Structures are given as structure tokens and as C-alpha cells.
Amino acid sequence: MTDRQRRIFDDSMRGHVHGTEEQVADELNRLLTRTRADEFLVHTSTYDRVARLDSHRRLAELAGLLTTC
């Protein structure tokens, strides 16, 4: 990426939560503490429906909404 492209990319990612389960959990906890929100709206963007479903499943597990058997 050029420097300009990197700046645009970095700016577009500001405010997004992404990473490993631990990183996402930590960031969501910080966001909840900072905003005192009652709920989060989650949006994922991928053409791979299997990957999107996996992402939603993993997030539900983090939130305690789903337990693995």
C-alpha cells in the first residue's frame, strides 16, 4: 500500500472491533465500560457465509449466549 492508501485504510478501521476472541472480548468490555451501552449492534462483512456464521457463533460464545457441547 502507498502511504495514502494505508492512511485511508487505517481511518476506515477506526472504531471497528476485530481480532482474536480474547482481543474482541477485551475491546467489547472496554467499549461497554466506556459507553454503558445496553446492547451492541454487530455487523460482519464477508462473502464467505460459513466464515460469517463461524464469526457470529464465536461472538455468541463470548457473550455467553451460546455454549459449545
Protein backbone atom coordinates (compact mmCIF):
# COMPACT_ATOMS: atom_id res chain seq x y z
CA MET A 1 0.00 0.00 0.00
CA THR A 2 1.06 3.54 -0.57
CA ASP A 3 1.23 5.83 2.45
CA ARG A 4 -2.02 7.45 1.35
CA GLN A 5 -3.77 4.10 0.93
CA ARG A 6 -2.53 2.98 4.36
CA ARG A 7 -3.92 6.17 5.96
CA ILE A 8 -7.30 5.66 4.27
CA PHE A 9 -7.37 2.01 5.36
CA ASP A 10 -6.38 2.83 8.93
CA ASP A 11 -9.02 5.57 9.11
CA SER A 12 -11.68 3.18 7.81
CA MET A 13 -10.88 0.69 10.57
CA ARG A 14 -11.17 3.23 13.38
CA GLY A 15 -13.93 2.15 15.73
CA HIS A 16 -14.10 -1.39 14.37
CA VAL A 17 -13.59 -4.32 16.70
CA HIS A 18 -11.66 -7.25 15.28
CA GLY A 19 -9.06 -9.80 16.29
CA THR A 20 -8.81 -12.98 18.31
CA GLU A 21 -11.58 -13.94 20.72
CA GLU A 22 -9.54 -12.53 23.59
CA GLN A 23 -8.86 -9.24 21.79
CA VAL A 24 -12.52 -8.85 20.83
CA ALA A 25 -13.70 -9.66 24.35
CA ASP A 26 -11.29 -7.12 25.85
CA GLU A 27 -12.29 -4.42 23.36
CA LEU A 28 -16.01 -5.03 23.83
CA ASN A 29 -15.57 -4.89 27.61
CA ARG A 30 -13.75 -1.55 27.28
CA LEU A 31 -16.47 -0.27 24.97
CA LEU A 32 -19.22 -1.37 27.36
CA THR A 33 -17.45 0.26 30.30
CA ARG A 34 -16.87 3.49 28.38
CA THR A 35 -20.35 3.80 26.85
CA ARG A 36 -22.53 1.94 29.37
CA ALA A 37 -24.48 0.66 26.38
CA ASP A 38 -27.40 -1.69 26.92
CA GLU A 39 -26.69 -3.56 23.70
CA PHE A 40 -24.31 -3.81 20.78
CA LEU A 41 -25.21 -3.94 17.12
CA VAL A 42 -22.95 -6.37 15.31
CA HIS A 43 -22.31 -6.31 11.60
CA THR A 44 -19.93 -8.58 9.76
CA SER A 45 -18.93 -8.19 6.17
CA THR A 46 -17.76 -11.20 4.22
CA TYR A 47 -18.82 -13.07 1.15
CA ASP A 48 -17.98 -16.35 2.87
CA ARG A 49 -21.21 -17.35 4.63
CA VAL A 50 -19.53 -20.18 6.53
CA ALA A 51 -16.91 -17.77 7.90
CA ARG A 52 -19.63 -15.26 8.84
CA LEU A 53 -21.64 -17.91 10.67
CA ASP A 54 -18.47 -19.01 12.49
CA SER A 55 -17.77 -15.41 13.48
CA HIS A 56 -21.31 -14.98 14.83
CA ARG A 57 -21.06 -18.29 16.72
CA ARG A 58 -17.77 -17.28 18.32
CA LEU A 59 -19.16 -13.88 19.30
CA ALA A 60 -22.25 -15.51 20.81
CA GLU A 61 -19.99 -17.76 22.87
CA LEU A 62 -18.03 -14.73 24.10
CA ALA A 63 -21.26 -13.03 25.10
CA GLY A 64 -22.43 -16.12 26.97
CA LEU A 65 -25.35 -16.59 24.59
CA LEU A 66 -24.17 -19.94 23.30
CA THR A 67 -22.28 -22.77 24.88
CA THR A 68 -20.46 -25.47 22.99
CA CYS A 69 -21.47 -29.05 23.65
